[in-house]
Protein backbone atom coordinates (compact mmCIF):
# COMPACT_ATOMS: atom_id res chain seq x y z
CA UNK A 1 0.00 0.00 0.00
CA UNK A 2 1.48 3.33 -1.05
CA UNK A 3 0.22 6.17 1.17
CA UNK A 4 1.36 9.76 1.16
CA UNK A 5 2.13 11.33 4.51
CA UNK A 6 0.33 14.67 4.42
CA UNK A 7 0.72 15.19 8.14
CA UNK A 8 1.28 18.70 9.37
CA UNK A 9 3.22 17.29 12.31
CA UNK A 10 6.56 15.58 12.60
CA UNK A 11 8.04 13.52 15.38
CA UNK A 12 11.52 14.54 16.55
CA UNK A 13 13.62 12.77 19.18
CA UNK A 14 14.29 15.24 21.99
CA UNK A 15 16.40 13.17 24.39
CA UNK A 16 15.75 11.22 27.58
CA UNK A 17 13.51 8.80 25.69
CA UNK A 18 11.12 11.59 24.67
CA UNK A 19 9.69 12.51 21.29
CA UNK A 20 8.39 15.98 20.40
CA UNK A 21 5.45 16.30 18.02
CA UNK A 22 5.82 19.65 16.28
CA UNK A 23 4.34 21.44 13.28
CA UNK A 24 6.46 20.94 10.16
CA UNK A 25 7.68 24.53 9.92
CA UNK A 26 8.10 25.10 13.66
CA UNK A 27 11.58 24.48 15.01
CA UNK A 28 14.25 26.18 17.06
CA UNK A 29 16.10 27.33 13.94
CA UNK A 30 13.13 29.14 12.36
CA UNK A 31 12.12 30.74 15.63
CA UNK A 32 15.65 31.92 16.44
CA UNK A 33 16.10 33.22 12.89
CA UNK A 34 13.09 35.49 13.41
CA UNK A 35 14.47 36.69 16.74
CA UNK A 36 17.93 37.32 15.28
CA UNK A 37 16.37 39.33 12.45
CA UNK A 38 14.38 41.43 14.93
CA UNK A 39 17.53 42.13 16.94
CA UNK A 40 19.68 42.66 13.82
CA UNK A 41 22.05 39.87 14.83
CA UNK A 42 23.72 37.86 12.10
CA UNK A 43 23.54 34.06 12.34
CA UNK A 44 27.35 33.89 12.19
CA UNK A 45 27.40 35.82 15.50
CA UNK A 46 25.11 33.29 17.16
CA UNK A 47 26.33 30.57 19.57
CA UNK A 48 24.20 27.46 20.08
CA UNK A 49 24.51 24.13 21.92
CA UNK A 50 22.54 20.99 21.21
CA UNK A 51 22.35 17.30 22.00
CA UNK A 52 19.15 16.02 20.40
CA UNK A 53 17.55 16.03 16.98
CA UNK A 54 15.16 18.81 17.96
CA UNK A 55 18.28 21.05 17.91
CA UNK A 56 19.35 20.32 14.31
CA UNK A 57 17.90 23.41 12.61
CA UNK A 58 19.20 25.68 15.35
CA UNK A 59 22.71 24.25 14.99
CA UNK A 60 22.56 24.62 11.21
CA UNK A 61 21.70 28.31 11.68
CA UNK A 62 24.36 29.18 14.26
CA UNK A 63 27.77 30.41 13.24
CA UNK A 64 29.17 28.76 16.35
CA UNK A 65 27.36 25.47 16.78
CA UNK A 66 28.39 22.97 19.45
CA UNK A 67 27.25 19.41 19.92
CA UNK A 68 27.47 18.04 23.40
CA UNK A 69 29.74 15.01 23.89
CA UNK A 70 26.62 12.96 24.64
CA UNK A 71 24.76 14.21 21.53
CA UNK A 72 23.04 12.12 18.89
CA UNK A 73 25.06 11.18 15.81
CA UNK A 74 23.00 13.53 13.62
CA UNK A 75 23.73 16.44 15.94
CA UNK A 76 27.45 15.62 15.85
CA UNK A 77 27.36 15.71 12.05
CA UNK A 78 25.64 19.12 11.91
CA UNK A 79 27.56 20.97 14.64
CA UNK A 80 30.84 22.69 13.81
CA UNK A 81 32.40 22.10 17.25
CA UNK A 82 32.02 19.76 20.21
CA UNK A 83 31.58 20.64 23.87
CA UNK A 84 31.93 18.37 26.90
CA UNK A 85 28.82 16.45 27.92
CA UNK A 86 25.91 17.89 29.87
CA UNK A 87 27.11 15.86 32.85
CA UNK A 88 30.41 17.79 32.73
CA UNK A 89 28.77 21.24 32.60
CA UNK A 90 29.77 21.42 28.93
CA UNK A 91 27.84 24.57 28.04
CA UNK A 92 29.22 26.76 30.83
CA UNK A 93 32.76 25.40 30.55
CA UNK A 94 32.77 26.11 26.80
CA UNK A 95 31.41 29.63 27.29
CA UNK A 96 34.02 30.28 30.00
CA UNK A 97 36.77 29.04 27.69
CA UNK A 98 35.55 31.35 24.92
CA UNK A 99 35.56 34.33 27.31
CA UNK A 100 39.08 33.41 28.43
CA UNK A 101 40.22 33.53 24.78
CA UNK A 102 38.76 37.02 24.44
CA UNK A 103 40.91 38.06 27.38
C-alpha atoms as a PDB file:
ATOM      1  CA  UNK A   1       0.000   0.000   0.000  1.00  0.00           C
ATOM      2  CA  UNK A   2       1.482   3.335  -1.047  1.00  0.00           C
ATOM      3  CA  UNK A   3       0.223   6.168   1.165  1.00  0.00           C
ATOM      4  CA  UNK A   4       1.360   9.763   1.155  1.00  0.00           C
ATOM      5  CA  UNK A   5       2.125  11.330   4.505  1.00  0.00           C
ATOM      6  CA  UNK A   6       0.332  14.668   4.420  1.00  0.00           C
ATOM      7  CA  UNK A   7       0.724  15.191   8.135  1.00  0.00           C
ATOM      8  CA  UNK A   8       1.275  18.703   9.374  1.00  0.00           C
ATOM      9  CA  UNK A   9       3.221  17.294  12.309  1.00  0.00           C
ATOM     10  CA  UNK A  10       6.560  15.581  12.595  1.00  0.00           C
ATOM     11  CA  UNK A  11       8.039  13.517  15.384  1.00  0.00           C
ATOM     12  CA  UNK A  12      11.516  14.544  16.551  1.00  0.00           C
ATOM     13  CA  UNK A  13      13.621  12.775  19.184  1.00  0.00           C
ATOM     14  CA  UNK A  14      14.287  15.244  21.991  1.00  0.00           C
ATOM     15  CA  UNK A  15      16.396  13.169  24.386  1.00  0.00           C
ATOM     16  CA  UNK A  16      15.747  11.222  27.583  1.00  0.00           C
ATOM     17  CA  UNK A  17      13.511   8.803  25.689  1.00  0.00           C
ATOM     18  CA  UNK A  18      11.116  11.589  24.666  1.00  0.00           C
ATOM     19  CA  UNK A  19       9.691  12.507  21.289  1.00  0.00           C
ATOM     20  CA  UNK A  20       8.394  15.980  20.396  1.00  0.00           C
ATOM     21  CA  UNK A  21       5.448  16.304  18.017  1.00  0.00           C
ATOM     22  CA  UNK A  22       5.823  19.645  16.275  1.00  0.00           C
ATOM     23  CA  UNK A  23       4.343  21.441  13.276  1.00  0.00           C
ATOM     24  CA  UNK A  24       6.463  20.939  10.160  1.00  0.00           C
ATOM     25  CA  UNK A  25       7.685  24.533   9.923  1.00  0.00           C
ATOM     26  CA  UNK A  26       8.098  25.096  13.659  1.00  0.00           C
ATOM     27  CA  UNK A  27      11.577  24.479  15.014  1.00  0.00           C
ATOM     28  CA  UNK A  28      14.254  26.181  17.058  1.00  0.00           C
ATOM     29  CA  UNK A  29      16.099  27.333  13.943  1.00  0.00           C
ATOM     30  CA  UNK A  30      13.130  29.136  12.361  1.00  0.00           C
ATOM     31  CA  UNK A  31      12.124  30.739  15.634  1.00  0.00           C
ATOM     32  CA  UNK A  32      15.651  31.922  16.443  1.00  0.00           C
ATOM     33  CA  UNK A  33      16.099  33.218  12.887  1.00  0.00           C
ATOM     34  CA  UNK A  34      13.089  35.489  13.411  1.00  0.00           C
ATOM     35  CA  UNK A  35      14.471  36.688  16.743  1.00  0.00           C
ATOM     36  CA  UNK A  36      17.932  37.316  15.285  1.00  0.00           C
ATOM     37  CA  UNK A  37      16.368  39.334  12.448  1.00  0.00           C
ATOM     38  CA  UNK A  38      14.378  41.433  14.927  1.00  0.00           C
ATOM     39  CA  UNK A  39      17.527  42.133  16.943  1.00  0.00           C
ATOM     40  CA  UNK A  40      19.683  42.663  13.817  1.00  0.00           C
ATOM     41  CA  UNK A  41      22.052  39.875  14.829  1.00  0.00           C
ATOM     42  CA  UNK A  42      23.720  37.864  12.095  1.00  0.00           C
ATOM     43  CA  UNK A  43      23.536  34.059  12.345  1.00  0.00           C
ATOM     44  CA  UNK A  44      27.346  33.890  12.190  1.00  0.00           C
ATOM     45  CA  UNK A  45      27.398  35.821  15.496  1.00  0.00           C
ATOM     46  CA  UNK A  46      25.108  33.292  17.158  1.00  0.00           C
ATOM     47  CA  UNK A  47      26.325  30.574  19.573  1.00  0.00           C
ATOM     48  CA  UNK A  48      24.196  27.457  20.083  1.00  0.00           C
ATOM     49  CA  UNK A  49      24.505  24.135  21.918  1.00  0.00           C
ATOM     50  CA  UNK A  50      22.537  20.987  21.213  1.00  0.00           C
ATOM     51  CA  UNK A  51      22.353  17.302  21.999  1.00  0.00           C
ATOM     52  CA  UNK A  52      19.151  16.018  20.398  1.00  0.00           C
ATOM     53  CA  UNK A  53      17.551  16.030  16.980  1.00  0.00           C
ATOM     54  CA  UNK A  54      15.159  18.812  17.960  1.00  0.00           C
ATOM     55  CA  UNK A  55      18.280  21.050  17.908  1.00  0.00           C
ATOM     56  CA  UNK A  56      19.353  20.323  14.310  1.00  0.00           C
ATOM     57  CA  UNK A  57      17.900  23.408  12.610  1.00  0.00           C
ATOM     58  CA  UNK A  58      19.203  25.684  15.352  1.00  0.00           C
ATOM     59  CA  UNK A  59      22.707  24.254  14.986  1.00  0.00           C
ATOM     60  CA  UNK A  60      22.558  24.617  11.206  1.00  0.00           C
ATOM     61  CA  UNK A  61      21.703  28.309  11.681  1.00  0.00           C
ATOM     62  CA  UNK A  62      24.357  29.180  14.262  1.00  0.00           C
ATOM     63  CA  UNK A  63      27.769  30.414  13.239  1.00  0.00           C
ATOM     64  CA  UNK A  64      29.168  28.762  16.354  1.00  0.00           C
ATOM     65  CA  UNK A  65      27.357  25.466  16.784  1.00  0.00           C
ATOM     66  CA  UNK A  66      28.386  22.973  19.447  1.00  0.00           C
ATOM     67  CA  UNK A  67      27.248  19.411  19.922  1.00  0.00           C
ATOM     68  CA  UNK A  68      27.467  18.045  23.399  1.00  0.00           C
ATOM     69  CA  UNK A  69      29.737  15.010  23.888  1.00  0.00           C
ATOM     70  CA  UNK A  70      26.616  12.964  24.644  1.00  0.00           C
ATOM     71  CA  UNK A  71      24.764  14.208  21.532  1.00  0.00           C
ATOM     72  CA  UNK A  72      23.039  12.118  18.894  1.00  0.00           C
ATOM     73  CA  UNK A  73      25.059  11.183  15.809  1.00  0.00           C
ATOM     74  CA  UNK A  74      22.998  13.527  13.619  1.00  0.00           C
ATOM     75  CA  UNK A  75      23.735  16.442  15.939  1.00  0.00           C
ATOM     76  CA  UNK A  76      27.451  15.619  15.855  1.00  0.00           C
ATOM     77  CA  UNK A  77      27.356  15.710  12.051  1.00  0.00           C
ATOM     78  CA  UNK A  78      25.638  19.121  11.912  1.00  0.00           C
ATOM     79  CA  UNK A  79      27.563  20.973  14.637  1.00  0.00           C
ATOM     80  CA  UNK A  80      30.844  22.690  13.814  1.00  0.00           C
ATOM     81  CA  UNK A  81      32.399  22.102  17.247  1.00  0.00           C
ATOM     82  CA  UNK A  82      32.015  19.763  20.214  1.00  0.00           C
ATOM     83  CA  UNK A  83      31.579  20.641  23.872  1.00  0.00           C
ATOM     84  CA  UNK A  84      31.933  18.369  26.901  1.00  0.00           C
ATOM     85  CA  UNK A  85      28.815  16.454  27.920  1.00  0.00           C
ATOM     86  CA  UNK A  86      25.907  17.886  29.873  1.00  0.00           C
ATOM     87  CA  UNK A  87      27.114  15.863  32.845  1.00  0.00           C
ATOM     88  CA  UNK A  88      30.406  17.793  32.728  1.00  0.00           C
ATOM     89  CA  UNK A  89      28.775  21.243  32.598  1.00  0.00           C
ATOM     90  CA  UNK A  90      29.773  21.419  28.933  1.00  0.00           C
ATOM     91  CA  UNK A  91      27.840  24.573  28.045  1.00  0.00           C
ATOM     92  CA  UNK A  92      29.224  26.762  30.828  1.00  0.00           C
ATOM     93  CA  UNK A  93      32.760  25.397  30.549  1.00  0.00           C
ATOM     94  CA  UNK A  94      32.771  26.111  26.799  1.00  0.00           C
ATOM     95  CA  UNK A  95      31.412  29.633  27.295  1.00  0.00           C
ATOM     96  CA  UNK A  96      34.024  30.279  30.001  1.00  0.00           C
ATOM     97  CA  UNK A  97      36.771  29.037  27.691  1.00  0.00           C
ATOM     98  CA  UNK A  98      35.551  31.350  24.919  1.00  0.00           C
ATOM     99  CA  UNK A  99      35.562  34.335  27.309  1.00  0.00           C
ATOM    100  CA  UNK A 100      39.082  33.407  28.433  1.00  0.00           C
ATOM    101  CA  UNK A 101      40.219  33.530  24.782  1.00  0.00           C
ATOM    102  CA  UNK A 102      38.757  37.021  24.442  1.00  0.00           C
ATOM    103  CA  UNK A 103      40.906  38.062  27.376  1.00  0.00           C
END
